[in-house]
Amino acid sequence: MNAIANCFDQLRKENKKALITYLTAGDPDLDFTYAAALSCLQSGADILELGVPFSDPLADGPTIRASAKRALASGTTFNGVIELVKRLRSVTQAPIVLLCYYNTICSRGESSFATTCARAGVSGVIVADLPVSEASNMTNFAVNAGLDLIPIIAPNSTPTQIANAARLATGFIYCVSVKGVTGVRETLPETLGKFLASIRRQTDKPLAVGFGIAHPQQALQIAHAADGIIIGSVLVDLLATKRNFQAIQPLLTDFRLALDKTEHDPVKS
């Protein structure tokens, strides 16, 4: 059992849901990201998700686009992100997931990319612009290297796409809460529970919901139907505003408390 599966398994035993925190690596620099990542873990995060900055992040809204631009301007590279993972791995065994775009993989080759990530201590990879229908080879390279390749399912995914993602998924499935790009939403769709139920009927893999989650009450709402939540834009924006990694601790503590109110009661088919 790898790090991500072990994490979700342990959380189930403790009747808890996963808190997954996203940070854009290198915003404003890699030392700051290192400190912010440790702050996330100290505040109750179970899994770290690090965004590899890219010049054209199509799936991201203004907040994360701006953070990627700042990270690139500071000189952040893929190799720098890998060194950050090694640095984090020396002080934590928590799962570390990279979110990247396929260009980052293609320029290095799928096999080399997967091997480099695994050797550094990466637990899994989310490729924002890799369709499930095109992911078989990358999945094989990832699994052979000891990585999870985590598929993304959106509300407009077809039944066939959902079935294929469920079949290929390792680690967990990233369930997008809303149509569109990343970014804070004040409300989430009333159809979210039905959407998650449609995925749950086809897989026993953990479901983690991201895109738009900004308030602990939203986490409480979602957690009854999922195994975890992913929060990103609200953290990225807070760090950009405060320039103090400790500023995220009160917010994450509130998210952790909200999630811990929720019993493990996934939606059944």
C-alpha atoms as a PDB file:
ATOM      1  CA  MET A   1       0.000   0.000   0.000  1.00  0.00           C
ATOM      2  CA  ASN A   2       1.489   3.347  -1.033  1.00  0.00           C
ATOM      3  CA  ALA A   3       1.447   6.612   0.882  1.00  0.00           C
ATOM      4  CA  ILE A   4      -1.840   7.968  -0.472  1.00  0.00           C
ATOM      5  CA  ALA A   5      -3.769   4.724  -0.059  1.00  0.00           C
ATOM      6  CA  ASN A   6      -2.317   4.308   3.422  1.00  0.00           C
ATOM      7  CA  CYS A   7      -3.341   7.861   4.317  1.00  0.00           C
ATOM      8  CA  PHE A   8      -6.967   7.368   3.269  1.00  0.00           C
ATOM      9  CA  ASP A   9      -7.066   3.948   4.909  1.00  0.00           C
ATOM     10  CA  GLN A  10      -5.875   5.388   8.218  1.00  0.00           C
ATOM     11  CA  LEU A  11      -8.357   8.264   7.988  1.00  0.00           C
ATOM     12  CA  ARG A  12     -11.213   5.805   7.438  1.00  0.00           C
ATOM     13  CA  LYS A  13     -10.149   3.881  10.545  1.00  0.00           C
ATOM     14  CA  GLU A  14     -10.228   7.162  12.492  1.00  0.00           C
ATOM     15  CA  ASN A  15     -13.580   8.141  10.949  1.00  0.00           C
ATOM     16  CA  LYS A  16     -12.034  11.239   9.387  1.00  0.00           C
ATOM     17  CA  LYS A  17     -11.900  12.947   6.011  1.00  0.00           C
ATOM     18  CA  ALA A  18      -8.772  14.123   4.192  1.00  0.00           C
ATOM     19  CA  LEU A  19      -7.757  17.763   4.156  1.00  0.00           C
ATOM     20  CA  ILE A  20      -5.651  18.340   1.035  1.00  0.00           C
ATOM     21  CA  THR A  21      -3.960  21.717   0.664  1.00  0.00           C
ATOM     22  CA  TYR A  22      -2.716  23.203  -2.598  1.00  0.00           C
ATOM     23  CA  LEU A  23       0.222  25.602  -2.856  1.00  0.00           C
ATOM     24  CA  THR A  24       1.866  26.904  -6.009  1.00  0.00           C
ATOM     25  CA  ALA A  25       5.497  25.907  -5.612  1.00  0.00           C
ATOM     26  CA  GLY A  26       7.817  28.906  -5.749  1.00  0.00           C
ATOM     27  CA  ASP A  27       5.253  31.598  -4.962  1.00  0.00           C
ATOM     28  CA  PRO A  28       6.912  33.886  -4.067  1.00  0.00           C
ATOM     29  CA  ASP A  29       9.912  31.543  -3.719  1.00  0.00           C
ATOM     30  CA  LEU A  30      10.654  27.945  -2.812  1.00  0.00           C
ATOM     31  CA  ASP A  31      11.802  28.702   0.745  1.00  0.00           C
ATOM     32  CA  PHE A  32       8.443  30.344   1.437  1.00  0.00           C
ATOM     33  CA  THR A  33       6.600  27.371  -0.057  1.00  0.00           C
ATOM     34  CA  TYR A  34       8.578  25.012   2.171  1.00  0.00           C
ATOM     35  CA  ALA A  35       7.586  26.976   5.279  1.00  0.00           C
ATOM     36  CA  ALA A  36       3.953  27.246   4.124  1.00  0.00           C
ATOM     37  CA  ALA A  37       3.788  23.502   3.457  1.00  0.00           C
ATOM     38  CA  LEU A  38       4.997  22.727   6.969  1.00  0.00           C
ATOM     39  CA  SER A  39       2.440  25.179   8.313  1.00  0.00           C
ATOM     40  CA  CYS A  40      -0.273  23.312   6.407  1.00  0.00           C
ATOM     41  CA  LEU A  41       0.770  20.015   7.983  1.00  0.00           C
ATOM     42  CA  GLN A  42       0.960  21.535  11.451  1.00  0.00           C
ATOM     43  CA  SER A  43      -2.558  22.924  10.960  1.00  0.00           C
ATOM     44  CA  GLY A  44      -4.147  19.590  10.114  1.00  0.00           C
ATOM     45  CA  ALA A  45      -3.490  18.935   6.418  1.00  0.00           C
ATOM     46  CA  ASP A  46      -3.212  15.250   5.522  1.00  0.00           C
ATOM     47  CA  ILE A  47      -1.881  15.560   1.961  1.00  0.00           C
ATOM     48  CA  LEU A  48       0.197  18.293   0.331  1.00  0.00           C
ATOM     49  CA  GLU A  49      -0.517  19.256  -3.260  1.00  0.00           C
ATOM     50  CA  LEU A  50       2.162  21.339  -4.939  1.00  0.00           C
ATOM     51  CA  GLY A  51       1.512  23.083  -8.234  1.00  0.00           C
ATOM     52  CA  VAL A  52       4.372  23.047 -10.731  1.00  0.00           C
ATOM     53  CA  PRO A  53       4.202  26.558 -12.224  1.00  0.00           C
ATOM     54  CA  PHE A  54       3.416  26.702 -15.922  1.00  0.00           C
ATOM     55  CA  SER A  55       3.087  29.652 -18.277  1.00  0.00           C
ATOM     56  CA  ASP A  56      -0.348  28.707 -19.634  1.00  0.00           C
ATOM     57  CA  PRO A  57      -2.366  27.000 -16.865  1.00  0.00           C
ATOM     58  CA  LEU A  58      -5.637  26.541 -18.751  1.00  0.00           C
ATOM     59  CA  ALA A  59      -7.559  24.938 -15.879  1.00  0.00           C
ATOM     60  CA  ASP A  60      -6.748  27.710 -13.426  1.00  0.00           C
ATOM     61  CA  GLY A  61      -8.500  30.942 -12.604  1.00  0.00           C
ATOM     62  CA  PRO A  62      -6.940  34.363 -11.938  1.00  0.00           C
ATOM     63  CA  THR A  63      -5.639  33.587  -8.431  1.00  0.00           C
ATOM     64  CA  ILE A  64      -3.565  30.549  -9.322  1.00  0.00           C
ATOM     65  CA  ARG A  65      -2.602  31.966 -12.716  1.00  0.00           C
ATOM     66  CA  ALA A  66      -1.126  34.973 -10.924  1.00  0.00           C
ATOM     67  CA  SER A  67       0.693  32.736  -8.447  1.00  0.00           C
ATOM     68  CA  ALA A  68       2.226  30.692 -11.279  1.00  0.00           C
ATOM     69  CA  LYS A  69       3.397  33.900 -12.932  1.00  0.00           C
ATOM     70  CA  ARG A  70       5.041  35.037  -9.681  1.00  0.00           C
ATOM     71  CA  ALA A  71       6.687  31.638  -9.223  1.00  0.00           C
ATOM     72  CA  LEU A  72       8.109  31.635 -12.733  1.00  0.00           C
ATOM     73  CA  ALA A  73       9.330  35.198 -12.293  1.00  0.00           C
ATOM     74  CA  SER A  74      11.230  34.117  -9.171  1.00  0.00           C
ATOM     75  CA  GLY A  75      13.054  31.474 -11.217  1.00  0.00           C
ATOM     76  CA  THR A  76      11.130  28.393 -10.133  1.00  0.00           C
ATOM     77  CA  THR A  77      11.755  25.368 -12.352  1.00  0.00           C
ATOM     78  CA  PHE A  78      10.611  21.749 -12.318  1.00  0.00           C
ATOM     79  CA  ASN A  79      14.002  20.756 -10.943  1.00  0.00           C
ATOM     80  CA  GLY A  80      13.579  23.306  -8.189  1.00  0.00           C
ATOM     81  CA  VAL A  81      10.197  21.819  -7.294  1.00  0.00           C
ATOM     82  CA  ILE A  82      11.777  18.360  -7.144  1.00  0.00           C
ATOM     83  CA  GLU A  83      14.408  19.679  -4.740  1.00  0.00           C
ATOM     84  CA  LEU A  84      11.600  21.174  -2.636  1.00  0.00           C
ATOM     85  CA  VAL A  85       9.932  17.759  -2.477  1.00  0.00           C
ATOM     86  CA  LYS A  86      13.196  16.180  -1.325  1.00  0.00           C
ATOM     87  CA  ARG A  87      13.518  18.836   1.343  1.00  0.00           C
ATOM     88  CA  LEU A  88       9.978  18.216   2.566  1.00  0.00           C
ATOM     89  CA  ARG A  89      10.411  14.479   2.424  1.00  0.00           C
ATOM     90  CA  SER A  90      13.304  14.745   4.864  1.00  0.00           C
ATOM     91  CA  VAL A  91      10.922  16.064   7.542  1.00  0.00           C
ATOM     92  CA  THR A  92       7.539  14.467   6.764  1.00  0.00           C
ATOM     93  CA  GLN A  93       6.064  11.207   5.526  1.00  0.00           C
ATOM     94  CA  ALA A  94       2.786  12.861   4.507  1.00  0.00           C
ATOM     95  CA  PRO A  95       1.794  12.191   0.894  1.00  0.00           C
ATOM     96  CA  ILE A  96       2.999  14.824  -1.569  1.00  0.00           C
ATOM     97  CA  VAL A  97       1.150  15.224  -4.856  1.00  0.00           C
ATOM     98  CA  LEU A  98       2.294  17.324  -7.801  1.00  0.00           C
ATOM     99  CA  LEU A  99      -0.213  19.097 -10.016  1.00  0.00           C
ATOM    100  CA  CYS A 100       1.267  19.883 -13.406  1.00  0.00           C
ATOM    101  CA  TYR A 101       0.459  20.345 -17.079  1.00  0.00           C
ATOM    102  CA  TYR A 102       1.399  17.789 -19.679  1.00  0.00           C
ATOM    103  CA  ASN A 103       3.995  20.039 -21.308  1.00  0.00           C
ATOM    104  CA  THR A 104       6.136  19.588 -18.185  1.00  0.00           C
ATOM    105  CA  ILE A 105       5.964  15.825 -18.666  1.00  0.00           C
ATOM    106  CA  CYS A 106       6.293  15.765 -22.449  1.00  0.00           C
ATOM    107  CA  SER A 107       9.475  17.836 -22.434  1.00  0.00           C
ATOM    108  CA  ARG A 108      11.147  15.233 -20.211  1.00  0.00           C
ATOM    109  CA  GLY A 109       9.473  12.034 -21.380  1.00  0.00           C
ATOM    110  CA  GLU A 110       6.831  10.207 -19.397  1.00  0.00           C
ATOM    111  CA  SER A 111       9.154   7.516 -18.055  1.00  0.00           C
ATOM    112  CA  SER A 112      11.876   9.959 -16.987  1.00  0.00           C
ATOM    113  CA  PHE A 113       9.335  12.295 -15.404  1.00  0.00           C
ATOM    114  CA  ALA A 114       7.749   9.487 -13.388  1.00  0.00           C
ATOM    115  CA  THR A 115      11.099   8.123 -12.241  1.00  0.00           C
ATOM    116  CA  THR A 116      12.376  11.555 -11.212  1.00  0.00           C
ATOM    117  CA  CYS A 117       9.244  12.248  -9.187  1.00  0.00           C
ATOM    118  CA  ALA A 118       9.256   8.868  -7.470  1.00  0.00           C
ATOM    119  CA  ARG A 119      12.926   9.085  -6.515  1.00  0.00           C
ATOM    120  CA  ALA A 120      12.352  12.514  -4.973  1.00  0.00           C
ATOM    121  CA  GLY A 121       9.506  11.230  -2.802  1.00  0.00           C
ATOM    122  CA  VAL A 122       6.467  12.364  -4.776  1.00  0.00           C
ATOM    123  CA  SER A 123       3.477  10.162  -3.962  1.00  0.00           C
ATOM    124  CA  GLY A 124       1.192  11.008  -6.865  1.00  0.00           C
ATOM    125  CA  VAL A 125       0.672  13.256  -9.869  1.00  0.00           C
ATOM    126  CA  ILE A 126      -2.348  15.143 -11.206  1.00  0.00           C
ATOM    127  CA  VAL A 127      -2.035  16.218 -14.838  1.00  0.00           C
ATOM    128  CA  ALA A 128      -4.519  19.032 -15.337  1.00  0.00           C
ATOM    129  CA  ASP A 129      -4.766  18.806 -19.113  1.00  0.00           C
ATOM    130  CA  LEU A 130      -4.331  15.073 -19.736  1.00  0.00           C
ATOM    131  CA  PRO A 131      -7.655  13.513 -20.816  1.00  0.00           C
ATOM    132  CA  VAL A 132      -8.418  10.137 -19.311  1.00  0.00           C
ATOM    133  CA  SER A 133      -8.694   8.724 -22.823  1.00  0.00           C
ATOM    134  CA  GLU A 134      -5.018   9.601 -23.390  1.00  0.00           C
ATOM    135  CA  ALA A 135      -3.702   8.631 -19.956  1.00  0.00           C
ATOM    136  CA  SER A 136      -3.047   4.885 -20.279  1.00  0.00           C
ATOM    137  CA  ASN A 137       0.677   5.159 -21.068  1.00  0.00           C
ATOM    138  CA  MET A 138       1.307   7.761 -18.392  1.00  0.00           C
ATOM    139  CA  THR A 139      -0.610   5.643 -15.888  1.00  0.00           C
ATOM    140  CA  ASN A 140       1.597   2.653 -16.663  1.00  0.00           C
ATOM    141  CA  PHE A 141       4.796   4.668 -16.299  1.00  0.00           C
ATOM    142  CA  ALA A 142       3.548   6.175 -13.045  1.00  0.00           C
ATOM    143  CA  VAL A 143       2.476   2.861 -11.506  1.00  0.00           C
ATOM    144  CA  ASN A 144       5.724   1.170 -12.552  1.00  0.00           C
ATOM    145  CA  ALA A 145       7.663   3.969 -10.835  1.00  0.00           C
ATOM    146  CA  GLY A 146       5.554   3.699  -7.680  1.00  0.00           C
ATOM    147  CA  LEU A 147       3.464   6.818  -8.275  1.00  0.00           C
ATOM    148  CA  ASP A 148      -0.279   7.308  -8.277  1.00  0.00           C
ATOM    149  CA  LEU A 149      -1.725   9.015 -11.343  1.00  0.00           C
ATOM    150  CA  ILE A 150      -4.817  10.823 -10.108  1.00  0.00           C
ATOM    151  CA  PRO A 151      -7.504  11.464 -12.725  1.00  0.00           C
ATOM    152  CA  ILE A 152      -9.807  14.469 -12.801  1.00  0.00           C
ATOM    153  CA  ILE A 153     -13.560  14.079 -13.248  1.00  0.00           C
ATOM    154  CA  ALA A 154     -15.673  17.172 -13.917  1.00  0.00           C
ATOM    155  CA  PRO A 155     -19.457  17.713 -13.788  1.00  0.00           C
ATOM    156  CA  ASN A 156     -19.560  17.625 -17.591  1.00  0.00           C
ATOM    157  CA  SER A 157     -17.614  14.350 -17.852  1.00  0.00           C
ATOM    158  CA  THR A 158     -19.493  11.714 -19.823  1.00  0.00           C
ATOM    159  CA  PRO A 159     -20.437   8.331 -18.313  1.00  0.00           C
ATOM    160  CA  THR A 160     -17.711   6.752 -20.440  1.00  0.00           C
ATOM    161  CA  GLN A 161     -15.121   9.226 -19.172  1.00  0.00           C
ATOM    162  CA  ILE A 162     -16.185   8.570 -15.583  1.00  0.00           C
ATOM    163  CA  ALA A 163     -15.954   4.816 -16.106  1.00  0.00           C
ATOM    164  CA  ASN A 164     -12.484   5.103 -17.659  1.00  0.00           C
ATOM    165  CA  ALA A 165     -11.245   7.371 -14.878  1.00  0.00           C
ATOM    166  CA  ALA A 166     -12.587   4.974 -12.266  1.00  0.00           C
ATOM    167  CA  ARG A 167     -10.797   2.112 -13.991  1.00  0.00           C
ATOM    168  CA  LEU A 168      -7.445   3.884 -14.283  1.00  0.00           C
ATOM    169  CA  ALA A 169      -7.435   5.718 -10.962  1.00  0.00           C
ATOM    170  CA  THR A 170      -4.878   5.011  -8.305  1.00  0.00           C
ATOM    171  CA  GLY A 171      -4.589   6.967  -5.069  1.00  0.00           C
ATOM    172  CA  PHE A 172      -7.791   8.984  -5.319  1.00  0.00           C
ATOM    173  CA  ILE A 173     -10.044  10.661  -7.870  1.00  0.00           C
ATOM    174  CA  TYR A 174     -10.041  14.459  -8.133  1.00  0.00           C
ATOM    175  CA  CYS A 175     -13.693  15.501  -8.425  1.00  0.00           C
ATOM    176  CA  VAL A 176     -14.201  19.021  -9.755  1.00  0.00           C
ATOM    177  CA  SER A 177     -17.103  20.642  -7.918  1.00  0.00           C
ATOM    178  CA  VAL A 178     -18.077  23.144 -10.630  1.00  0.00           C
ATOM    179  CA  LYS A 179     -17.705  23.714 -14.347  1.00  0.00           C
ATOM    180  CA  GLY A 180     -14.983  26.185 -15.257  1.00  0.00           C
ATOM    181  CA  VAL A 181     -11.619  27.045 -13.762  1.00  0.00           C
ATOM    182  CA  THR A 182     -10.224  27.121 -10.249  1.00  0.00           C
ATOM    183  CA  GLY A 183     -11.213  29.934  -7.930  1.00  0.00           C
ATOM    184  CA  VAL A 184     -13.186  30.741  -4.813  1.00  0.00           C
ATOM    185  CA  ARG A 185     -16.971  30.240  -4.974  1.00  0.00           C
ATOM    186  CA  GLU A 186     -19.401  31.484  -2.373  1.00  0.00           C
ATOM    187  CA  THR A 187     -21.802  28.621  -3.074  1.00  0.00           C
ATOM    188  CA  LEU A 188     -21.465  25.162  -4.561  1.00  0.00           C
ATOM    189  CA  PRO A 189     -23.919  23.446  -6.923  1.00  0.00           C
ATOM    190  CA  GLU A 190     -26.922  21.692  -5.432  1.00  0.00           C
ATOM    191  CA  THR A 191     -26.208  18.848  -7.856  1.00  0.00           C
ATOM    192  CA  LEU A 192     -22.795  18.103  -6.336  1.00  0.00           C
ATOM    193  CA  GLY A 193     -24.066  15.213  -4.217  1.00  0.00           C
ATOM    194  CA  LYS A 194     -25.694  13.550  -7.210  1.00  0.00           C
ATOM    195  CA  PHE A 195     -22.507  14.021  -9.230  1.00  0.00           C
ATOM    196  CA  LEU A 196     -20.395  12.362  -6.544  1.00  0.00           C
ATOM    197  CA  ALA A 197     -22.899   9.533  -6.217  1.00  0.00           C
ATOM    198  CA  SER A 198     -22.588   8.826  -9.946  1.00  0.00           C
ATOM    199  CA  ILE A 199     -18.836   8.400  -9.504  1.00  0.00           C
ATOM    200  CA  ARG A 200     -19.177   6.385  -6.307  1.00  0.00           C
ATOM    201  CA  ARG A 201     -21.289   3.800  -8.101  1.00  0.00           C
ATOM    202  CA  GLN A 202     -18.338   2.972 -10.344  1.00  0.00           C
ATOM    203  CA  THR A 203     -15.399   2.899  -7.944  1.00  0.00           C
ATOM    204  CA  ASP A 204     -14.306   2.305  -4.394  1.00  0.00           C
ATOM    205  CA  LYS A 205     -11.378   4.706  -4.792  1.00  0.00           C
ATOM    206  CA  PRO A 206     -11.411   7.739  -2.467  1.00  0.00           C
ATOM    207  CA  LEU A 207     -13.115  10.829  -3.864  1.00  0.00           C
ATOM    208  CA  ALA A 208     -11.588  14.242  -3.121  1.00  0.00           C
ATOM    209  CA  VAL A 209     -13.470  17.384  -4.137  1.00  0.00           C
ATOM    210  CA  GLY A 210     -11.737  20.561  -5.306  1.00  0.00           C
ATOM    211  CA  PHE A 211     -12.384  23.844  -7.146  1.00  0.00           C
ATOM    212  CA  GLY A 212     -14.129  26.653  -5.338  1.00  0.00           C
ATOM    213  CA  ILE A 213     -14.041  25.537  -1.712  1.00  0.00           C
ATOM    214  CA  ALA A 214     -13.514  28.670   0.351  1.00  0.00           C
ATOM    215  CA  HIS A 215     -15.331  28.203   3.663  1.00  0.00           C
ATOM    216  CA  PRO A 216     -15.305  25.502   6.350  1.00  0.00           C
ATOM    217  CA  GLN A 217     -19.082  25.210   6.047  1.00  0.00           C
ATOM    218  CA  GLN A 218     -18.649  24.171   2.408  1.00  0.00           C
ATOM    219  CA  ALA A 219     -16.201  21.508   3.553  1.00  0.00           C
ATOM    220  CA  LEU A 220     -18.768  20.206   6.007  1.00  0.00           C
ATOM    221  CA  GLN A 221     -21.372  20.137   3.230  1.00  0.00           C
ATOM    222  CA  ILE A 222     -19.131  18.201   0.842  1.00  0.00           C
ATOM    223  CA  ALA A 223     -17.542  15.797   3.297  1.00  0.00           C
ATOM    224  CA  HIS A 224     -20.767  13.858   3.820  1.00  0.00           C
ATOM    225  CA  ALA A 225     -20.489  12.682   0.211  1.00  0.00           C
ATOM    226  CA  ALA A 226     -16.712  12.517  -0.291  1.00  0.00           C
ATOM    227  CA  ASP A 227     -13.546  11.229   1.329  1.00  0.00           C
ATOM    228  CA  GLY A 228     -11.695  14.523   1.319  1.00  0.00           C
ATOM    229  CA  ILE A 229     -11.573  18.111   0.146  1.00  0.00           C
ATOM    230  CA  ILE A 230      -8.940  20.111  -1.696  1.00  0.00           C
ATOM    231  CA  ILE A 231      -8.505  23.787  -0.931  1.00  0.00           C
ATOM    232  CA  GLY A 232      -6.250  25.944  -3.041  1.00  0.00           C
ATOM    233  CA  SER A 233      -7.249  29.379  -4.283  1.00  0.00           C
ATOM    234  CA  VAL A 234      -8.309  30.613  -0.856  1.00  0.00           C
ATOM    235  CA  LEU A 235      -4.881  29.625   0.548  1.00  0.00           C
ATOM    236  CA  VAL A 236      -2.930  31.016  -2.388  1.00  0.00           C
ATOM    237  CA  ASP A 237      -4.804  34.310  -2.164  1.00  0.00           C
ATOM    238  CA  LEU A 238      -4.330  34.547   1.607  1.00  0.00           C
ATOM    239  CA  LEU A 239      -0.596  33.932   1.340  1.00  0.00           C
ATOM    240  CA  ALA A 240      -0.259  36.467  -1.475  1.00  0.00           C
ATOM    241  CA  THR A 241      -2.054  39.060   0.633  1.00  0.00           C
ATOM    242  CA  LYS A 242      -0.442  38.430   4.017  1.00  0.00           C
ATOM    243  CA  ARG A 243       3.019  37.296   2.867  1.00  0.00           C
ATOM    244  CA  ASN A 244       3.140  35.295   6.095  1.00  0.00           C
ATOM    245  CA  PHE A 245       2.870  31.529   5.990  1.00  0.00           C
ATOM    246  CA  GLN A 246       1.496  31.486   9.542  1.00  0.00           C
ATOM    247  CA  ALA A 247      -1.581  33.369   8.318  1.00  0.00           C
ATOM    248  CA  ILE A 248      -3.049  30.153   6.943  1.00  0.00           C
ATOM    249  CA  GLN A 249      -3.074  28.358  10.291  1.00  0.00           C
ATOM    250  CA  PRO A 250      -6.373  29.760  11.664  1.00  0.00           C
ATOM    251  CA  LEU A 251      -8.179  29.050   8.385  1.00  0.00           C
ATOM    252  CA  LEU A 252      -6.890  25.489   8.128  1.00  0.00           C
ATOM    253  CA  THR A 253      -7.689  24.847  11.765  1.00  0.00           C
ATOM    254  CA  ASP A 254     -11.284  25.833  11.036  1.00  0.00           C
ATOM    255  CA  PHE A 255     -11.389  23.528   8.017  1.00  0.00           C
ATOM    256  CA  ARG A 256      -9.971  20.675  10.085  1.00  0.00           C
ATOM    257  CA  LEU A 257     -12.560  21.201  12.814  1.00  0.00           C
ATOM    258  CA  ALA A 258     -15.361  21.258  10.221  1.00  0.00           C
ATOM    259  CA  LEU A 259     -14.180  18.031   8.613  1.00  0.00           C
ATOM    260  CA  ASP A 260     -13.824  16.310  11.958  1.00  0.00           C
ATOM    261  CA  LYS A 261     -17.521  16.929  12.624  1.00  0.00           C
ATOM    262  CA  THR A 262     -18.351  14.696   9.682  1.00  0.00           C
ATOM    263  CA  GLU A 263     -18.677  10.959  10.108  1.00  0.00           C
ATOM    264  CA  HIS A 264     -17.410   8.761   7.323  1.00  0.00           C
ATOM    265  CA  ASP A 265     -20.703   8.293   5.474  1.00  0.00           C
ATOM    266  CA  PRO A 266     -20.107   8.203   1.707  1.00  0.00           C
ATOM    267  CA  VAL A 267     -23.000   8.417  -0.697  1.00  0.00           C
ATOM    268  CA  LYS A 268     -24.210   4.941  -1.604  1.00  0.00           C
ATOM    269  CA  SER A 269     -25.419   3.778  -4.969  1.00  0.00           C
END
